[in-house]
Amino acid sequence: IISDSCNHSSIVIGARLSGAVIKVFKHQDTSDLERIIRHSIIHGQPRSRRPWTKILVVVEGIYSMEGEICDLVSVVSIVKKYKCFLFVDEAHSIGALGKTGRGICEYTGVDPASVRS
């Protein structure tokens, strides 16, 4: 799991409880996100160096503590480039963003099929 540093504590706790390896990228820093993904792909799993079977990037549509909107277009571009999975927490963006309130995907014009909300 590669998580934004400002993700809500419920995401952080859930990630820890999952038992997955967790890496954190600087808030809204897509260059840092790409660097961490590349490092993970190049070096593989920590002990065995085997390639990862899944890399999951986790962001929020609207960051609850900052009130900032995710740069979803850039995140989706990176995720597609490296064939990762993307999970977007829409807890605060559904009803608040987009012409009809459908959230960050509608607001940014991103195809919802490219993310897991």
N, C-alpha and C. Protein backbone atom coordinates (compact mmCIF):
# COMPACT_ATOMS: atom_id res chain seq x y z
N ILE A 1 0.86 -1.18 0.00
CA ILE A 1 0.00 0.00 0.00
C ILE A 1 0.90 1.23 0.00
N ILE A 2 0.61 2.15 -0.91
CA ILE A 2 1.31 3.43 -0.94
C ILE A 2 0.25 4.50 -0.65
N SER A 3 0.42 5.18 0.47
CA SER A 3 -0.61 6.06 1.01
C SER A 3 -0.13 7.51 1.09
N ASP A 4 -1.03 8.45 0.80
CA ASP A 4 -0.73 9.87 0.98
C ASP A 4 -0.50 10.14 2.47
N SER A 5 0.45 10.98 2.78
CA SER A 5 0.81 11.24 4.18
C SER A 5 -0.31 11.91 4.97
N CYS A 6 -1.28 12.52 4.29
CA CYS A 6 -2.38 13.17 5.00
C CYS A 6 -3.69 12.38 4.93
N ASN A 7 -3.62 11.10 4.58
CA ASN A 7 -4.83 10.29 4.60
C ASN A 7 -5.37 10.21 6.02
N HIS A 8 -6.68 10.07 6.12
CA HIS A 8 -7.37 10.01 7.41
C HIS A 8 -6.85 8.84 8.24
N SER A 9 -6.90 8.99 9.54
CA SER A 9 -6.39 7.94 10.44
C SER A 9 -7.11 6.61 10.24
N SER A 10 -8.37 6.62 9.82
CA SER A 10 -9.07 5.35 9.58
C SER A 10 -8.42 4.57 8.44
N ILE A 11 -7.92 5.27 7.44
CA ILE A 11 -7.21 4.62 6.33
C ILE A 11 -5.88 4.06 6.84
N VAL A 12 -5.18 4.85 7.62
CA VAL A 12 -3.88 4.43 8.16
C VAL A 12 -4.05 3.19 9.04
N ILE A 13 -5.04 3.20 9.92
CA ILE A 13 -5.28 2.06 10.82
C ILE A 13 -5.68 0.83 10.01
N GLY A 14 -6.57 1.01 9.04
CA GLY A 14 -6.99 -0.11 8.20
C GLY A 14 -5.83 -0.72 7.43
N ALA A 15 -4.96 0.14 6.92
CA ALA A 15 -3.78 -0.35 6.19
C ALA A 15 -2.87 -1.15 7.12
N ARG A 16 -2.65 -0.64 8.32
CA ARG A 16 -1.81 -1.36 9.29
C ARG A 16 -2.41 -2.70 9.65
N LEU A 17 -3.72 -2.72 9.89
CA LEU A 17 -4.38 -3.97 10.28
C LEU A 17 -4.40 -5.00 9.14
N SER A 18 -4.26 -4.54 7.91
CA SER A 18 -4.29 -5.46 6.77
C SER A 18 -3.06 -6.36 6.72
N GLY A 19 -1.99 -5.94 7.37
CA GLY A 19 -0.75 -6.71 7.33
C GLY A 19 0.11 -6.42 6.11
N ALA A 20 -0.35 -5.51 5.26
CA ALA A 20 0.41 -5.17 4.05
C ALA A 20 1.62 -4.30 4.39
N VAL A 21 2.59 -4.30 3.50
CA VAL A 21 3.71 -3.37 3.61
C VAL A 21 3.17 -1.99 3.23
N ILE A 22 3.46 -0.99 4.06
CA ILE A 22 2.92 0.35 3.83
C ILE A 22 4.07 1.33 3.59
N LYS A 23 3.91 2.10 2.52
CA LYS A 23 4.85 3.18 2.23
C LYS A 23 4.02 4.46 2.11
N VAL A 24 4.62 5.57 2.48
CA VAL A 24 3.89 6.84 2.51
C VAL A 24 4.60 7.85 1.61
N PHE A 25 3.81 8.54 0.77
CA PHE A 25 4.39 9.60 -0.05
C PHE A 25 3.96 10.96 0.48
N LYS A 26 4.76 11.97 0.20
CA LYS A 26 4.48 13.33 0.67
C LYS A 26 3.13 13.78 0.13
N HIS A 27 2.41 14.51 0.95
CA HIS A 27 1.06 14.95 0.62
C HIS A 27 1.00 15.67 -0.73
N GLN A 28 0.15 15.11 -1.60
CA GLN A 28 -0.12 15.68 -2.93
C GLN A 28 1.13 15.81 -3.81
N ASP A 29 2.19 15.08 -3.48
CA ASP A 29 3.45 15.18 -4.23
C ASP A 29 3.55 14.00 -5.19
N THR A 30 3.12 14.22 -6.43
CA THR A 30 3.10 13.13 -7.40
C THR A 30 4.50 12.68 -7.81
N SER A 31 5.48 13.55 -7.70
CA SER A 31 6.87 13.15 -7.98
C SER A 31 7.34 12.14 -6.94
N ASP A 32 7.00 12.39 -5.68
CA ASP A 32 7.37 11.47 -4.60
C ASP A 32 6.61 10.15 -4.75
N LEU A 33 5.33 10.23 -5.13
CA LEU A 33 4.54 9.02 -5.37
C LEU A 33 5.21 8.17 -6.45
N GLU A 34 5.58 8.79 -7.56
CA GLU A 34 6.21 8.05 -8.66
C GLU A 34 7.55 7.46 -8.22
N ARG A 35 8.32 8.20 -7.45
CA ARG A 35 9.61 7.71 -6.96
C ARG A 35 9.42 6.46 -6.10
N ILE A 36 8.44 6.47 -5.22
CA ILE A 36 8.18 5.32 -4.34
C ILE A 36 7.69 4.12 -5.14
N ILE A 37 6.82 4.35 -6.11
CA ILE A 37 6.34 3.25 -6.96
C ILE A 37 7.51 2.63 -7.72
N ARG A 38 8.33 3.47 -8.34
CA ARG A 38 9.49 2.97 -9.10
C ARG A 38 10.43 2.17 -8.21
N HIS A 39 10.71 2.69 -7.02
CA HIS A 39 11.58 1.99 -6.08
C HIS A 39 10.99 0.63 -5.70
N SER A 40 9.68 0.60 -5.47
CA SER A 40 9.00 -0.65 -5.10
C SER A 40 9.07 -1.67 -6.22
N ILE A 41 8.91 -1.21 -7.45
CA ILE A 41 8.97 -2.12 -8.60
C ILE A 41 10.39 -2.63 -8.81
N ILE A 42 11.36 -1.75 -8.73
CA ILE A 42 12.76 -2.13 -8.96
C ILE A 42 13.28 -3.09 -7.90
N HIS A 43 12.98 -2.81 -6.64
CA HIS A 43 13.55 -3.59 -5.54
C HIS A 43 12.67 -4.75 -5.07
N GLY A 44 11.41 -4.78 -5.44
CA GLY A 44 10.53 -5.88 -5.06
C GLY A 44 10.24 -5.92 -3.57
N GLN A 45 9.81 -7.09 -3.11
CA GLN A 45 9.44 -7.26 -1.71
C GLN A 45 10.67 -7.20 -0.81
N PRO A 46 10.50 -6.71 0.43
CA PRO A 46 11.65 -6.43 1.30
C PRO A 46 12.64 -7.58 1.49
N ARG A 47 12.20 -8.75 1.84
CA ARG A 47 13.15 -9.83 2.15
C ARG A 47 13.49 -10.69 0.94
N SER A 48 12.47 -11.04 0.17
CA SER A 48 12.67 -11.99 -0.92
C SER A 48 13.08 -11.33 -2.24
N ARG A 49 12.81 -10.04 -2.37
CA ARG A 49 13.05 -9.30 -3.61
C ARG A 49 12.15 -9.76 -4.76
N ARG A 50 11.18 -10.62 -4.44
CA ARG A 50 10.22 -11.03 -5.47
C ARG A 50 9.38 -9.83 -5.89
N PRO A 51 8.92 -9.81 -7.13
CA PRO A 51 8.10 -8.68 -7.57
C PRO A 51 6.77 -8.65 -6.81
N TRP A 52 6.26 -7.45 -6.63
CA TRP A 52 4.96 -7.29 -5.99
C TRP A 52 3.88 -7.80 -6.93
N THR A 53 2.86 -8.46 -6.39
CA THR A 53 1.73 -8.88 -7.23
C THR A 53 0.72 -7.74 -7.38
N LYS A 54 0.64 -6.88 -6.36
CA LYS A 54 -0.26 -5.72 -6.41
C LYS A 54 0.38 -4.56 -5.68
N ILE A 55 0.25 -3.40 -6.26
CA ILE A 55 0.62 -2.16 -5.58
C ILE A 55 -0.64 -1.31 -5.57
N LEU A 56 -1.09 -0.94 -4.37
CA LEU A 56 -2.31 -0.17 -4.19
C LEU A 56 -1.96 1.24 -3.72
N VAL A 57 -2.39 2.23 -4.48
CA VAL A 57 -2.19 3.63 -4.11
C VAL A 57 -3.50 4.12 -3.50
N VAL A 58 -3.40 4.77 -2.32
CA VAL A 58 -4.60 5.22 -1.61
C VAL A 58 -4.54 6.74 -1.41
N VAL A 59 -5.59 7.42 -1.90
CA VAL A 59 -5.72 8.87 -1.74
C VAL A 59 -7.15 9.19 -1.30
N GLU A 60 -7.39 10.44 -0.95
CA GLU A 60 -8.73 10.90 -0.62
C GLU A 60 -9.18 11.91 -1.67
N GLY A 61 -10.49 11.94 -1.95
CA GLY A 61 -11.03 12.92 -2.89
C GLY A 61 -10.86 14.34 -2.36
N ILE A 62 -11.32 14.55 -1.13
CA ILE A 62 -11.08 15.79 -0.39
C ILE A 62 -10.44 15.38 0.92
N TYR A 63 -9.29 15.95 1.22
CA TYR A 63 -8.60 15.63 2.48
C TYR A 63 -9.31 16.36 3.61
N SER A 64 -9.84 15.59 4.55
CA SER A 64 -10.73 16.13 5.57
C SER A 64 -10.09 17.18 6.47
N MET A 65 -8.85 17.02 6.82
CA MET A 65 -8.21 17.97 7.73
C MET A 65 -7.69 19.22 7.01
N GLU A 66 -7.33 19.08 5.75
CA GLU A 66 -6.77 20.20 4.99
C GLU A 66 -7.81 20.89 4.12
N GLY A 67 -8.85 20.16 3.72
CA GLY A 67 -9.84 20.69 2.81
C GLY A 67 -9.34 20.79 1.38
N GLU A 68 -8.23 20.12 1.09
CA GLU A 68 -7.64 20.16 -0.25
C GLU A 68 -8.25 19.08 -1.13
N ILE A 69 -8.34 19.38 -2.42
CA ILE A 69 -8.86 18.43 -3.39
C ILE A 69 -7.69 17.69 -4.03
N CYS A 70 -7.83 16.39 -4.14
CA CYS A 70 -6.79 15.53 -4.72
C CYS A 70 -6.54 15.88 -6.19
N ASP A 71 -5.30 15.83 -6.61
CA ASP A 71 -4.94 16.00 -8.02
C ASP A 71 -5.10 14.63 -8.69
N LEU A 72 -6.36 14.23 -8.84
CA LEU A 72 -6.67 12.88 -9.30
C LEU A 72 -6.17 12.59 -10.71
N VAL A 73 -6.20 13.57 -11.57
CA VAL A 73 -5.74 13.37 -12.95
C VAL A 73 -4.28 12.92 -12.97
N SER A 74 -3.44 13.58 -12.20
CA SER A 74 -2.02 13.21 -12.14
C SER A 74 -1.81 11.86 -11.48
N VAL A 75 -2.56 11.59 -10.42
CA VAL A 75 -2.44 10.31 -9.72
C VAL A 75 -2.85 9.17 -10.64
N VAL A 76 -3.96 9.32 -11.34
CA VAL A 76 -4.43 8.28 -12.27
C VAL A 76 -3.40 8.05 -13.37
N SER A 77 -2.79 9.10 -13.87
CA SER A 77 -1.76 8.97 -14.91
C SER A 77 -0.60 8.11 -14.43
N ILE A 78 -0.13 8.35 -13.22
CA ILE A 78 0.98 7.58 -12.65
C ILE A 78 0.57 6.14 -12.40
N VAL A 79 -0.62 5.96 -11.85
CA VAL A 79 -1.11 4.61 -11.54
C VAL A 79 -1.23 3.77 -12.81
N LYS A 80 -1.74 4.37 -13.88
CA LYS A 80 -1.86 3.66 -15.15
C LYS A 80 -0.49 3.34 -15.73
N LYS A 81 0.43 4.29 -15.63
CA LYS A 81 1.78 4.11 -16.17
C LYS A 81 2.46 2.89 -15.57
N TYR A 82 2.27 2.67 -14.27
CA TYR A 82 2.95 1.58 -13.57
C TYR A 82 2.03 0.39 -13.27
N LYS A 83 0.82 0.43 -13.81
CA LYS A 83 -0.15 -0.67 -13.67
C LYS A 83 -0.44 -1.01 -12.20
N CYS A 84 -0.64 0.03 -11.41
CA CYS A 84 -1.00 -0.13 -10.00
C CYS A 84 -2.52 -0.09 -9.87
N PHE A 85 -2.99 -0.37 -8.68
CA PHE A 85 -4.40 -0.20 -8.36
C PHE A 85 -4.56 1.12 -7.62
N LEU A 86 -5.73 1.74 -7.75
CA LEU A 86 -5.99 3.02 -7.08
C LEU A 86 -7.27 2.93 -6.28
N PHE A 87 -7.18 3.34 -5.01
CA PHE A 87 -8.35 3.43 -4.14
C PHE A 87 -8.52 4.89 -3.76
N VAL A 88 -9.72 5.43 -3.98
CA VAL A 88 -10.01 6.82 -3.62
C VAL A 88 -11.08 6.83 -2.54
N ASP A 89 -10.76 7.41 -1.39
CA ASP A 89 -11.73 7.58 -0.31
C ASP A 89 -12.57 8.81 -0.65
N GLU A 90 -13.85 8.58 -0.92
CA GLU A 90 -14.76 9.66 -1.32
C GLU A 90 -15.66 10.12 -0.18
N ALA A 91 -15.27 9.84 1.07
CA ALA A 91 -16.13 10.17 2.21
C ALA A 91 -16.54 11.64 2.24
N HIS A 92 -15.66 12.52 1.82
CA HIS A 92 -15.97 13.95 1.88
C HIS A 92 -16.23 14.57 0.51
N SER A 93 -16.01 13.83 -0.56
CA SER A 93 -16.19 14.41 -1.89
C SER A 93 -17.52 14.05 -2.55
N ILE A 94 -18.11 12.92 -2.18
CA ILE A 94 -19.44 12.57 -2.71
C ILE A 94 -20.43 13.59 -2.16
N GLY A 95 -21.20 14.18 -3.04
CA GLY A 95 -22.17 15.19 -2.63
C GLY A 95 -21.61 16.60 -2.62
N ALA A 96 -20.28 16.71 -2.58
CA ALA A 96 -19.66 18.04 -2.51
C ALA A 96 -18.98 18.45 -3.82
N LEU A 97 -18.54 17.49 -4.59
CA LEU A 97 -17.81 17.80 -5.83
C LEU A 97 -18.54 17.25 -7.05
N GLY A 98 -18.33 17.88 -8.16
CA GLY A 98 -18.92 17.44 -9.42
C GLY A 98 -20.24 18.15 -9.68
N LYS A 99 -20.59 18.23 -10.95
CA LYS A 99 -21.81 18.94 -11.35
C LYS A 99 -23.05 18.37 -10.68
N THR A 100 -23.11 17.05 -10.55
CA THR A 100 -24.27 16.41 -9.91
C THR A 100 -23.92 15.80 -8.56
N GLY A 101 -22.76 16.16 -8.01
CA GLY A 101 -22.38 15.67 -6.69
C GLY A 101 -21.85 14.26 -6.64
N ARG A 102 -21.37 13.76 -7.76
CA ARG A 102 -20.88 12.38 -7.81
C ARG A 102 -19.42 12.23 -7.39
N GLY A 103 -18.81 13.29 -6.93
CA GLY A 103 -17.49 13.17 -6.35
C GLY A 103 -16.34 13.62 -7.23
N ILE A 104 -15.15 13.23 -6.78
CA ILE A 104 -13.90 13.68 -7.39
C ILE A 104 -13.76 13.24 -8.84
N CYS A 105 -14.25 12.05 -9.18
CA CYS A 105 -14.13 11.59 -10.58
C CYS A 105 -14.93 12.49 -11.51
N GLU A 106 -16.17 12.78 -11.12
CA GLU A 106 -16.99 13.67 -11.95
C GLU A 106 -16.37 15.07 -12.01
N TYR A 107 -15.87 15.55 -10.90
CA TYR A 107 -15.27 16.88 -10.80
C TYR A 107 -14.05 17.03 -11.72
N THR A 108 -13.22 15.97 -11.78
CA THR A 108 -11.98 16.04 -12.57
C THR A 108 -12.12 15.45 -13.96
N GLY A 109 -13.25 14.78 -14.24
CA GLY A 109 -13.45 14.16 -15.54
C GLY A 109 -12.74 12.82 -15.70
N VAL A 110 -12.36 12.21 -14.59
CA VAL A 110 -11.68 10.91 -14.61
C VAL A 110 -12.73 9.80 -14.69
N ASP A 111 -12.48 8.80 -15.51
CA ASP A 111 -13.38 7.65 -15.62
C ASP A 111 -13.41 6.89 -14.30
N PRO A 112 -14.57 6.76 -13.66
CA PRO A 112 -14.66 6.06 -12.38
C PRO A 112 -14.19 4.60 -12.45
N ALA A 113 -14.20 4.01 -13.62
CA ALA A 113 -13.74 2.62 -13.76
C ALA A 113 -12.24 2.50 -13.51
N SER A 114 -11.51 3.62 -13.55
CA SER A 114 -10.07 3.57 -13.34
C SER A 114 -9.68 3.67 -11.86
N VAL A 115 -10.68 3.80 -10.99
CA VAL A 115 -10.41 3.85 -9.54
C VAL A 115 -11.35 2.92 -8.79
N ARG A 116 -10.97 2.63 -7.55
CA ARG A 116 -11.84 1.89 -6.64
C ARG A 116 -12.22 2.86 -5.54
N SER A 117 -13.48 3.29 -5.49
CA SER A 117 -13.90 4.26 -4.47
C SER A 117 -14.26 3.57 -3.17
